[in-house]
Amino acid sequence: MSARDFLATDSLLVERARLAIMATLAAANEAVEFNALLDALDLSKGNLSTHMRRLEEAGLVEVRKAFVGRKPRTTYACTAAGRAELASYLARLEAMLKGAG
């Protein structure tokens, strides 16, 4: 794969914050709370919310909203489609880097 082919890649994961979000969720053994993602990724609430909405609309993450006591709790989990997209994106990146050497 050439660098030109990689640049033509149409993936939500090209954006570094979304790639970091997906990597964090894929590595987790369970759903991750919104505040834990905020701490891990050092993003603003609005920025994280915007990225999560895009990933959810694409079917890459599952969002669960619940109340714990009287407090809202939002958690996110990587879907099977999300894991597949992450693996595919990383394979394309690796192929491009191998071609550069």
PDB file of N, CA and C in Angstrom:
ATOM      1  N   MET A   1       0.853  -1.177   0.000  1.00  0.00           N
ATOM      2  CA  MET A   1       0.000   0.000   0.000  1.00  0.00           C
ATOM      3  C   MET A   1       0.892   1.232   0.000  1.00  0.00           C
ATOM      4  N   SER A   2       0.578   2.149  -0.863  1.00  0.00           N
ATOM      5  CA  SER A   2       1.350   3.388  -0.934  1.00  0.00           C
ATOM      6  C   SER A   2       0.784   4.416   0.038  1.00  0.00           C
ATOM      7  N   ALA A   3       1.572   5.438   0.283  1.00  0.00           N
ATOM      8  CA  ALA A   3       1.115   6.531   1.137  1.00  0.00           C
ATOM      9  C   ALA A   3      -0.112   7.194   0.523  1.00  0.00           C
ATOM     10  N   ARG A   4      -0.140   7.290  -0.803  1.00  0.00           N
ATOM     11  CA  ARG A   4      -1.293   7.886  -1.492  1.00  0.00           C
ATOM     12  C   ARG A   4      -2.546   7.049  -1.242  1.00  0.00           C
ATOM     13  N   ASP A   5      -2.416   5.722  -1.308  1.00  0.00           N
ATOM     14  CA  ASP A   5      -3.551   4.845  -1.033  1.00  0.00           C
ATOM     15  C   ASP A   5      -4.031   5.020   0.403  1.00  0.00           C
ATOM     16  N   PHE A   6      -3.081   5.133   1.317  1.00  0.00           N
ATOM     17  CA  PHE A   6      -3.446   5.294   2.717  1.00  0.00           C
ATOM     18  C   PHE A   6      -4.177   6.616   2.932  1.00  0.00           C
ATOM     19  N   LEU A   7      -3.709   7.677   2.292  1.00  0.00           N
ATOM     20  CA  LEU A   7      -4.369   8.977   2.429  1.00  0.00           C
ATOM     21  C   LEU A   7      -5.777   8.959   1.852  1.00  0.00           C
ATOM     22  N   ALA A   8      -6.020   8.068   0.905  1.00  0.00           N
ATOM     23  CA  ALA A   8      -7.351   7.957   0.315  1.00  0.00           C
ATOM     24  C   ALA A   8      -8.285   7.123   1.189  1.00  0.00           C
ATOM     25  N   THR A   9      -7.753   6.543   2.241  1.00  0.00           N
ATOM     26  CA  THR A   9      -8.543   5.729   3.149  1.00  0.00           C
ATOM     27  C   THR A   9      -9.659   6.566   3.771  1.00  0.00           C
ATOM     28  N   ASP A  10     -10.869   6.071   3.656  1.00  0.00           N
ATOM     29  CA  ASP A  10     -12.019   6.759   4.247  1.00  0.00           C
ATOM     30  C   ASP A  10     -12.374   6.043   5.544  1.00  0.00           C
ATOM     31  N   SER A  11     -11.809   6.522   6.631  1.00  0.00           N
ATOM     32  CA  SER A  11     -12.037   5.898   7.929  1.00  0.00           C
ATOM     33  C   SER A  11     -12.198   6.980   8.990  1.00  0.00           C
ATOM     34  N   LEU A  12     -13.130   6.753   9.884  1.00  0.00           N
ATOM     35  CA  LEU A  12     -13.277   7.669  11.014  1.00  0.00           C
ATOM     36  C   LEU A  12     -12.044   7.665  11.899  1.00  0.00           C
ATOM     37  N   LEU A  13     -11.246   6.621  11.792  1.00  0.00           N
ATOM     38  CA  LEU A  13     -10.103   6.468  12.684  1.00  0.00           C
ATOM     39  C   LEU A  13      -8.895   7.275  12.239  1.00  0.00           C
ATOM     40  N   VAL A  14      -8.985   7.951  11.105  1.00  0.00           N
ATOM     41  CA  VAL A  14      -7.886   8.810  10.665  1.00  0.00           C
ATOM     42  C   VAL A  14      -7.671   9.925  11.683  1.00  0.00           C
ATOM     43  N   GLU A  15      -8.744  10.371  12.315  1.00  0.00           N
ATOM     44  CA  GLU A  15      -8.657  11.419  13.346  1.00  0.00           C
ATOM     45  C   GLU A  15      -8.043  10.815  14.607  1.00  0.00           C
ATOM     46  N   ARG A  16      -6.980  11.410  15.100  1.00  0.00           N
ATOM     47  CA  ARG A  16      -6.205  10.797  16.182  1.00  0.00           C
ATOM     48  C   ARG A  16      -6.986  10.597  17.472  1.00  0.00           C
ATOM     49  N   ALA A  17      -7.896  11.498  17.808  1.00  0.00           N
ATOM     50  CA  ALA A  17      -8.677  11.326  19.034  1.00  0.00           C
ATOM     51  C   ALA A  17      -9.584  10.103  18.915  1.00  0.00           C
ATOM     52  N   ARG A  18     -10.207   9.913  17.742  1.00  0.00           N
ATOM     53  CA  ARG A  18     -11.078   8.743  17.568  1.00  0.00           C
ATOM     54  C   ARG A  18     -10.266   7.452  17.563  1.00  0.00           C
ATOM     55  N   LEU A  19      -9.060   7.493  17.007  1.00  0.00           N
ATOM     56  CA  LEU A  19      -8.194   6.313  17.047  1.00  0.00           C
ATOM     57  C   LEU A  19      -7.842   5.980  18.496  1.00  0.00           C
ATOM     58  N   ALA A  20      -7.519   6.985  19.286  1.00  0.00           N
ATOM     59  CA  ALA A  20      -7.187   6.765  20.704  1.00  0.00           C
ATOM     60  C   ALA A  20      -8.391   6.235  21.475  1.00  0.00           C
ATOM     61  N   ILE A  21      -9.571   6.769  21.185  1.00  0.00           N
ATOM     62  CA  ILE A  21     -10.791   6.284  21.839  1.00  0.00           C
ATOM     63  C   ILE A  21     -11.002   4.811  21.515  1.00  0.00           C
ATOM     64  N   MET A  22     -10.918   4.467  20.240  1.00  0.00           N
ATOM     65  CA  MET A  22     -11.163   3.077  19.831  1.00  0.00           C
ATOM     66  C   MET A  22     -10.110   2.136  20.403  1.00  0.00           C
ATOM     67  N   ALA A  23      -8.856   2.560  20.438  1.00  0.00           N
ATOM     68  CA  ALA A  23      -7.803   1.724  21.010  1.00  0.00           C
ATOM     69  C   ALA A  23      -8.060   1.490  22.496  1.00  0.00           C
ATOM     70  N   THR A  24      -8.491   2.519  23.194  1.00  0.00           N
ATOM     71  CA  THR A  24      -8.789   2.398  24.625  1.00  0.00           C
ATOM     72  C   THR A  24      -9.961   1.447  24.852  1.00  0.00           C
ATOM     73  N   LEU A  25     -11.019   1.611  24.073  1.00  0.00           N
ATOM     74  CA  LEU A  25     -12.191   0.746  24.234  1.00  0.00           C
ATOM     75  C   LEU A  25     -11.895  -0.698  23.835  1.00  0.00           C
ATOM     76  N   ALA A  26     -11.124  -0.884  22.770  1.00  0.00           N
ATOM     77  CA  ALA A  26     -10.798  -2.244  22.317  1.00  0.00           C
ATOM     78  C   ALA A  26      -9.934  -2.983  23.337  1.00  0.00           C
ATOM     79  N   ALA A  27      -9.095  -2.247  24.042  1.00  0.00           N
ATOM     80  CA  ALA A  27      -8.211  -2.870  25.037  1.00  0.00           C
ATOM     81  C   ALA A  27      -8.930  -3.187  26.346  1.00  0.00           C
ATOM     82  N   ALA A  28     -10.065  -2.553  26.566  1.00  0.00           N
ATOM     83  CA  ALA A  28     -10.804  -2.749  27.821  1.00  0.00           C
ATOM     84  C   ALA A  28     -11.572  -4.070  27.788  1.00  0.00           C
ATOM     85  N   ASN A  29     -11.656  -4.714  28.920  1.00  0.00           N
ATOM     86  CA  ASN A  29     -12.401  -5.970  29.034  1.00  0.00           C
ATOM     87  C   ASN A  29     -13.881  -5.745  29.293  1.00  0.00           C
ATOM     88  N   GLU A  30     -14.248  -4.516  29.566  1.00  0.00           N
ATOM     89  CA  GLU A  30     -15.647  -4.187  29.865  1.00  0.00           C
ATOM     90  C   GLU A  30     -15.924  -2.772  29.383  1.00  0.00           C
ATOM     91  N   ALA A  31     -17.164  -2.357  29.493  1.00  0.00           N
ATOM     92  CA  ALA A  31     -17.543  -1.010  29.089  1.00  0.00           C
ATOM     93  C   ALA A  31     -16.772   0.011  29.924  1.00  0.00           C
ATOM     94  N   VAL A  32     -16.480   1.144  29.314  1.00  0.00           N
ATOM     95  CA  VAL A  32     -15.690   2.187  29.971  1.00  0.00           C
ATOM     96  C   VAL A  32     -16.581   3.408  30.203  1.00  0.00           C
ATOM     97  N   GLU A  33     -16.531   3.950  31.408  1.00  0.00           N
ATOM     98  CA  GLU A  33     -17.339   5.124  31.751  1.00  0.00           C
ATOM     99  C   GLU A  33     -16.801   6.378  31.069  1.00  0.00           C
ATOM    100  N   PHE A  34     -17.723   7.289  30.797  1.00  0.00           N
ATOM    101  CA  PHE A  34     -17.391   8.558  30.153  1.00  0.00           C
ATOM    102  C   PHE A  34     -16.257   9.270  30.886  1.00  0.00           C
ATOM    103  N   ASN A  35     -16.362   9.391  32.208  1.00  0.00           N
ATOM    104  CA  ASN A  35     -15.336  10.110  32.982  1.00  0.00           C
ATOM    105  C   ASN A  35     -13.985   9.415  32.942  1.00  0.00           C
ATOM    106  N   ALA A  36     -13.980   8.093  32.858  1.00  0.00           N
ATOM    107  CA  ALA A  36     -12.717   7.364  32.740  1.00  0.00           C
ATOM    108  C   ALA A  36     -12.056   7.666  31.400  1.00  0.00           C
ATOM    109  N   LEU A  37     -12.870   7.758  30.342  1.00  0.00           N
ATOM    110  CA  LEU A  37     -12.316   8.137  29.036  1.00  0.00           C
ATOM    111  C   LEU A  37     -11.778   9.565  29.063  1.00  0.00           C
ATOM    112  N   LEU A  38     -12.508  10.459  29.718  1.00  0.00           N
ATOM    113  CA  LEU A  38     -12.022  11.842  29.843  1.00  0.00           C
ATOM    114  C   LEU A  38     -10.645  11.871  30.486  1.00  0.00           C
ATOM    115  N   ASP A  39     -10.487  11.135  31.573  1.00  0.00           N
ATOM    116  CA  ASP A  39      -9.208  11.104  32.283  1.00  0.00           C
ATOM    117  C   ASP A  39      -8.109  10.461  31.442  1.00  0.00           C
ATOM    118  N   ALA A  40      -8.430   9.357  30.786  1.00  0.00           N
ATOM    119  CA  ALA A  40      -7.433   8.621  30.020  1.00  0.00           C
ATOM    120  C   ALA A  40      -6.956   9.382  28.788  1.00  0.00           C
ATOM    121  N   LEU A  41      -7.858  10.140  28.173  1.00  0.00           N
ATOM    122  CA  LEU A  41      -7.542  10.761  26.887  1.00  0.00           C
ATOM    123  C   LEU A  41      -7.286  12.265  26.972  1.00  0.00           C
ATOM    124  N   ASP A  42      -7.584  12.867  28.117  1.00  0.00           N
ATOM    125  CA  ASP A  42      -7.355  14.295  28.319  1.00  0.00           C
ATOM    126  C   ASP A  42      -8.053  15.132  27.247  1.00  0.00           C
ATOM    127  N   LEU A  43      -9.322  14.805  26.988  1.00  0.00           N
ATOM    128  CA  LEU A  43     -10.149  15.565  26.055  1.00  0.00           C
ATOM    129  C   LEU A  43     -11.171  16.372  26.850  1.00  0.00           C
ATOM    130  N   SER A  44     -11.734  17.384  26.232  1.00  0.00           N
ATOM    131  CA  SER A  44     -12.822  18.108  26.883  1.00  0.00           C
ATOM    132  C   SER A  44     -14.098  17.275  26.781  1.00  0.00           C
ATOM    133  N   LYS A  45     -15.076  17.563  27.625  1.00  0.00           N
ATOM    134  CA  LYS A  45     -16.345  16.830  27.578  1.00  0.00           C
ATOM    135  C   LYS A  45     -17.012  16.975  26.218  1.00  0.00           C
ATOM    136  N   GLY A  46     -17.033  18.188  25.694  1.00  0.00           N
ATOM    137  CA  GLY A  46     -17.659  18.425  24.398  1.00  0.00           C
ATOM    138  C   GLY A  46     -16.950  17.707  23.270  1.00  0.00           C
ATOM    139  N   ASN A  47     -15.629  17.722  23.299  1.00  0.00           N
ATOM    140  CA  ASN A  47     -14.845  17.050  22.264  1.00  0.00           C
ATOM    141  C   ASN A  47     -15.085  15.544  22.303  1.00  0.00           C
ATOM    142  N   LEU A  48     -15.020  14.960  23.497  1.00  0.00           N
ATOM    143  CA  LEU A  48     -15.251  13.526  23.632  1.00  0.00           C
ATOM    144  C   LEU A  48     -16.668  13.166  23.202  1.00  0.00           C
ATOM    145  N   SER A  49     -17.642  13.948  23.604  1.00  0.00           N
ATOM    146  CA  SER A  49     -19.041  13.681  23.237  1.00  0.00           C
ATOM    147  C   SER A  49     -19.222  13.695  21.720  1.00  0.00           C
ATOM    148  N   THR A  50     -18.615  14.653  21.057  1.00  0.00           N
ATOM    149  CA  THR A  50     -18.728  14.756  19.601  1.00  0.00           C
ATOM    150  C   THR A  50     -18.124  13.536  18.917  1.00  0.00           C
ATOM    151  N   HIS A  51     -16.941  13.139  19.346  1.00  0.00           N
ATOM    152  CA  HIS A  51     -16.289  11.962  18.760  1.00  0.00           C
ATOM    153  C   HIS A  51     -17.106  10.694  19.031  1.00  0.00           C
ATOM    154  N   MET A  52     -17.631  10.574  20.239  1.00  0.00           N
ATOM    155  CA  MET A  52     -18.403   9.379  20.578  1.00  0.00           C
ATOM    156  C   MET A  52     -19.673   9.294  19.745  1.00  0.00           C
ATOM    157  N   ARG A  53     -20.301  10.415  19.485  1.00  0.00           N
ATOM    158  CA  ARG A  53     -21.518  10.427  18.658  1.00  0.00           C
ATOM    159  C   ARG A  53     -21.197   9.933  17.243  1.00  0.00           C
ATOM    160  N   ARG A  54     -20.091  10.406  16.688  1.00  0.00           N
ATOM    161  CA  ARG A  54     -19.691   9.968  15.336  1.00  0.00           C
ATOM    162  C   ARG A  54     -19.408   8.463  15.312  1.00  0.00           C
ATOM    163  N   LEU A  55     -18.705   7.972  16.330  1.00  0.00           N
ATOM    164  CA  LEU A  55     -18.387   6.543  16.397  1.00  0.00           C
ATOM    165  C   LEU A  55     -19.642   5.704  16.605  1.00  0.00           C
ATOM    166  N   GLU A  56     -20.569   6.206  17.407  1.00  0.00           N
ATOM    167  CA  GLU A  56     -21.830   5.491  17.637  1.00  0.00           C
ATOM    168  C   GLU A  56     -22.655   5.447  16.349  1.00  0.00           C
ATOM    169  N   GLU A  57     -22.759   6.568  15.643  1.00  0.00           N
ATOM    170  CA  GLU A  57     -23.521   6.616  14.395  1.00  0.00           C
ATOM    171  C   GLU A  57     -22.971   5.649  13.359  1.00  0.00           C
ATOM    172  N   ALA A  58     -21.667   5.418  13.395  1.00  0.00           N
ATOM    173  CA  ALA A  58     -21.020   4.491  12.463  1.00  0.00           C
ATOM    174  C   ALA A  58     -21.115   3.041  12.928  1.00  0.00           C
ATOM    175  N   GLY A  59     -21.639   2.820  14.132  1.00  0.00           N
ATOM    176  CA  GLY A  59     -21.774   1.465  14.654  1.00  0.00           C
ATOM    177  C   GLY A  59     -20.493   0.891  15.238  1.00  0.00           C
ATOM    178  N   LEU A  60     -19.516   1.761  15.519  1.00  0.00           N
ATOM    179  CA  LEU A  60     -18.237   1.285  16.036  1.00  0.00           C
ATOM    180  C   LEU A  60     -18.220   1.176  17.559  1.00  0.00           C
ATOM    181  N   VAL A  61     -19.109   1.899  18.224  1.00  0.00           N
ATOM    182  CA  VAL A  61     -19.218   1.809  19.682  1.00  0.00           C
ATOM    183  C   VAL A  61     -20.679   1.667  20.079  1.00  0.00           C
ATOM    184  N   GLU A  62     -20.875   1.048  21.214  1.00  0.00           N
ATOM    185  CA  GLU A  62     -22.208   0.910  21.811  1.00  0.00           C
ATOM    186  C   GLU A  62     -22.251   1.811  23.038  1.00  0.00           C
ATOM    187  N   VAL A  63     -23.308   2.577  23.148  1.00  0.00           N
ATOM    188  CA  VAL A  63     -23.477   3.497  24.270  1.00  0.00           C
ATOM    189  C   VAL A  63     -24.566   2.953  25.184  1.00  0.00           C
ATOM    190  N   ARG A  64     -24.277   2.941  26.468  1.00  0.00           N
ATOM    191  CA  ARG A  64     -25.265   2.521  27.464  1.00  0.00           C
ATOM    192  C   ARG A  64     -25.442   3.654  28.457  1.00  0.00           C
ATOM    193  N   LYS A  65     -26.689   4.036  28.677  1.00  0.00           N
ATOM    194  CA  LYS A  65     -26.998   5.090  29.644  1.00  0.00           C
ATOM    195  C   LYS A  65     -27.865   4.488  30.732  1.00  0.00           C
ATOM    196  N   ALA A  66     -27.508   4.781  31.969  1.00  0.00           N
ATOM    197  CA  ALA A  66     -28.248   4.251  33.116  1.00  0.00           C
ATOM    198  C   ALA A  66     -28.127   5.255  34.256  1.00  0.00           C
ATOM    199  N   PHE A  67     -28.882   4.998  35.295  1.00  0.00           N
ATOM    200  CA  PHE A  67     -28.768   5.797  36.501  1.00  0.00           C
ATOM    201  C   PHE A  67     -28.228   4.911  37.605  1.00  0.00           C
ATOM    202  N   VAL A  68     -27.266   5.417  38.329  1.00  0.00           N
ATOM    203  CA  VAL A  68     -26.729   4.763  39.514  1.00  0.00           C
ATOM    204  C   VAL A  68     -27.120   5.670  40.661  1.00  0.00           C
ATOM    205  N   GLY A  69     -28.103   5.205  41.423  1.00  0.00           N
ATOM    206  CA  GLY A  69     -28.702   6.102  42.394  1.00  0.00           C
ATOM    207  C   GLY A  69     -29.450   7.171  41.615  1.00  0.00           C
ATOM    208  N   ARG A  70     -29.108   8.396  41.838  1.00  0.00           N
ATOM    209  CA  ARG A  70     -29.731   9.495  41.095  1.00  0.00           C
ATOM    210  C   ARG A  70     -28.801  10.092  40.049  1.00  0.00           C
ATOM    211  N   LYS A  71     -27.618   9.495  39.896  1.00  0.00           N
ATOM    212  CA  LYS A  71     -26.637  10.053  38.973  1.00  0.00           C
ATOM    213  C   LYS A  71     -26.657   9.308  37.640  1.00  0.00           C
ATOM    214  N   PRO A  72     -26.629  10.058  36.540  1.00  0.00           N
ATOM    215  CA  PRO A  72     -26.562   9.390  35.236  1.00  0.00           C
ATOM    216  C   PRO A  72     -25.172   8.777  35.025  1.00  0.00           C
ATOM    217  N   ARG A  73     -25.161   7.641  34.371  1.00  0.00           N
ATOM    218  CA  ARG A  73     -23.899   6.947  34.089  1.00  0.00           C
ATOM    219  C   ARG A  73     -23.912   6.523  32.626  1.00  0.00           C
ATOM    220  N   THR A  74     -22.945   6.987  31.875  1.00  0.00           N
ATOM    221  CA  THR A  74     -22.827   6.630  30.469  1.00  0.00           C
ATOM    222  C   THR A  74     -21.566   5.808  30.295  1.00  0.00           C
ATOM    223  N   THR A  75     -21.718   4.648  29.668  1.00  0.00           N
ATOM    224  CA  THR A  75     -20.569   3.795  29.386  1.00  0.00           C
ATOM    225  C   THR A  75     -20.526   3.497  27.892  1.00  0.00           C
ATOM    226  N   TYR A  76     -19.338   3.160  27.433  1.00  0.00           N
ATOM    227  CA  TYR A  76     -19.098   2.873  26.022  1.00  0.00           C
ATOM    228  C   TYR A  76     -18.347   1.559  25.892  1.00  0.00           C
ATOM    229  N   ALA A  77     -18.697   0.823  24.849  1.00  0.00           N
ATOM    230  CA  ALA A  77     -17.999  -0.428  24.558  1.00  0.00           C
ATOM    231  C   ALA A  77     -17.752  -0.499  23.057  1.00  0.00           C
ATOM    232  N   CYS A  78     -16.664  -1.114  22.704  1.00  0.00           N
ATOM    233  CA  CYS A  78     -16.308  -1.317  21.305  1.00  0.00           C
ATOM    234  C   CYS A  78     -17.180  -2.450  20.755  1.00  0.00           C
ATOM    235  N   THR A  79     -17.806  -2.239  19.609  1.00  0.00           N
ATOM    236  CA  THR A  79     -18.618  -3.291  18.982  1.00  0.00           C
ATOM    237  C   THR A  79     -17.720  -4.208  18.152  1.00  0.00           C
ATOM    238  N   ALA A  80     -18.291  -5.298  17.679  1.00  0.00           N
ATOM    239  CA  ALA A  80     -17.544  -6.190  16.788  1.00  0.00           C
ATOM    240  C   ALA A  80     -17.135  -5.440  15.524  1.00  0.00           C
ATOM    241  N   ALA A  81     -18.024  -4.616  15.013  1.00  0.00           N
ATOM    242  CA  ALA A  81     -17.700  -3.805  13.828  1.00  0.00           C
ATOM    243  C   ALA A  81     -16.577  -2.825  14.142  1.00  0.00           C
ATOM    244  N   GLY A  82     -16.582  -2.288  15.350  1.00  0.00           N
ATOM    245  CA  GLY A  82     -15.529  -1.371  15.766  1.00  0.00           C
ATOM    246  C   GLY A  82     -14.179  -2.058  15.843  1.00  0.00           C
ATOM    247  N   ARG A  83     -14.163  -3.258  16.404  1.00  0.00           N
ATOM    248  CA  ARG A  83     -12.907  -4.018  16.469  1.00  0.00           C
ATOM    249  C   ARG A  83     -12.394  -4.343  15.075  1.00  0.00           C
ATOM    250  N   ALA A  84     -13.308  -4.710  14.178  1.00  0.00           N
ATOM    251  CA  ALA A  84     -12.922  -5.032  12.799  1.00  0.00           C
ATOM    252  C   ALA A  84     -12.367  -3.800  12.093  1.00  0.00           C
ATOM    253  N   GLU A  85     -13.011  -2.642  12.273  1.00  0.00           N
ATOM    254  CA  GLU A  85     -12.539  -1.402  11.638  1.00  0.00           C
ATOM    255  C   GLU A  85     -11.182  -1.006  12.185  1.00  0.00           C
ATOM    256  N   LEU A  86     -10.986  -1.138  13.495  1.00  0.00           N
ATOM    257  CA  LEU A  86      -9.701  -0.810  14.103  1.00  0.00           C
ATOM    258  C   LEU A  86      -8.606  -1.720  13.552  1.00  0.00           C
ATOM    259  N   ALA A  87      -8.870  -3.015  13.492  1.00  0.00           N
ATOM    260  CA  ALA A  87      -7.883  -3.965  12.966  1.00  0.00           C
ATOM    261  C   ALA A  87      -7.566  -3.666  11.502  1.00  0.00           C
ATOM    262  N   SER A  88      -8.585  -3.361  10.714  1.00  0.00           N
ATOM    263  CA  SER A  88      -8.386  -3.046   9.302  1.00  0.00           C
ATOM    264  C   SER A  88      -7.565  -1.774   9.136  1.00  0.00           C
ATOM    265  N   TYR A  89      -7.886  -0.754   9.891  1.00  0.00           N
ATOM    266  CA  TYR A  89      -7.161   0.516   9.807  1.00  0.00           C
ATOM    267  C   TYR A  89      -5.692   0.315  10.184  1.00  0.00           C
ATOM    268  N   LEU A  90      -5.446  -0.421  11.264  1.00  0.00           N
ATOM    269  CA  LEU A  90      -4.066  -0.654  11.702  1.00  0.00           C
ATOM    270  C   LEU A  90      -3.294  -1.492  10.685  1.00  0.00           C
ATOM    271  N   ALA A  91      -3.962  -2.444  10.035  1.00  0.00           N
ATOM    272  CA  ALA A  91      -3.313  -3.252   8.998  1.00  0.00           C
ATOM    273  C   ALA A  91      -2.934  -2.376   7.797  1.00  0.00           C
ATOM    274  N   ARG A  92      -3.823  -1.463   7.412  1.00  0.00           N
ATOM    275  CA  ARG A  92      -3.508  -0.556   6.293  1.00  0.00           C
ATOM    276  C   ARG A  92      -2.340   0.354   6.655  1.00  0.00           C
ATOM    277  N   LEU A  93      -2.321   0.845   7.885  1.00  0.00           N
ATOM    278  CA  LEU A  93      -1.227   1.697   8.346  1.00  0.00           C
ATOM    279  C   LEU A  93       0.089   0.918   8.332  1.00  0.00           C
ATOM    280  N   GLU A  94       0.049  -0.304   8.841  1.00  0.00           N
ATOM    281  CA  GLU A  94       1.258  -1.126   8.874  1.00  0.00           C
ATOM    282  C   GLU A  94       1.749  -1.423   7.459  1.00  0.00           C
ATOM    283  N   ALA A  95       0.841  -1.720   6.534  1.00  0.00           N
ATOM    284  CA  ALA A  95       1.232  -1.992   5.150  1.00  0.00           C
ATOM    285  C   ALA A  95       1.876  -0.766   4.522  1.00  0.00           C
ATOM    286  N   MET A  96       1.356   0.411   4.794  1.00  0.00           N
ATOM    287  CA  MET A  96       1.942   1.629   4.245  1.00  0.00           C
ATOM    288  C   MET A  96       3.345   1.848   4.813  1.00  0.00           C
ATOM    289  N   LEU A  97       3.498   1.621   6.120  1.00  0.00           N
ATOM    290  CA  LEU A  97       4.809   1.835   6.748  1.00  0.00           C
ATOM    291  C   LEU A  97       5.826   0.828   6.242  1.00  0.00           C
ATOM    292  N   LYS A  98       5.426  -0.388   6.022  1.00  0.00           N
ATOM    293  CA  LYS A  98       6.332  -1.393   5.474  1.00  0.00           C
ATOM    294  C   LYS A  98       6.760  -1.022   4.060  1.00  0.00           C
ATOM    295  N   GLY A  99       5.832  -0.457   3.309  1.00  0.00           N
ATOM    296  CA  GLY A  99       6.156  -0.038   1.941  1.00  0.00           C
ATOM    297  C   GLY A  99       7.092   1.161   1.891  1.00  0.00           C
ATOM    298  N   ALA A 100       7.137   1.916   2.986  1.00  0.00           N
ATOM    299  CA  ALA A 100       8.001   3.101   3.024  1.00  0.00           C
ATOM    300  C   ALA A 100       9.448   2.757   3.322  1.00  0.00           C
ATOM    301  N   GLY A 101       9.672   1.553   3.831  1.00  0.00           N
ATOM    302  CA  GLY A 101      11.020   1.175   4.248  1.00  0.00           C
ATOM    303  C   GLY A 101      11.767   0.538   3.209  1.00  0.00           C
TER     304      GLY A 101
END
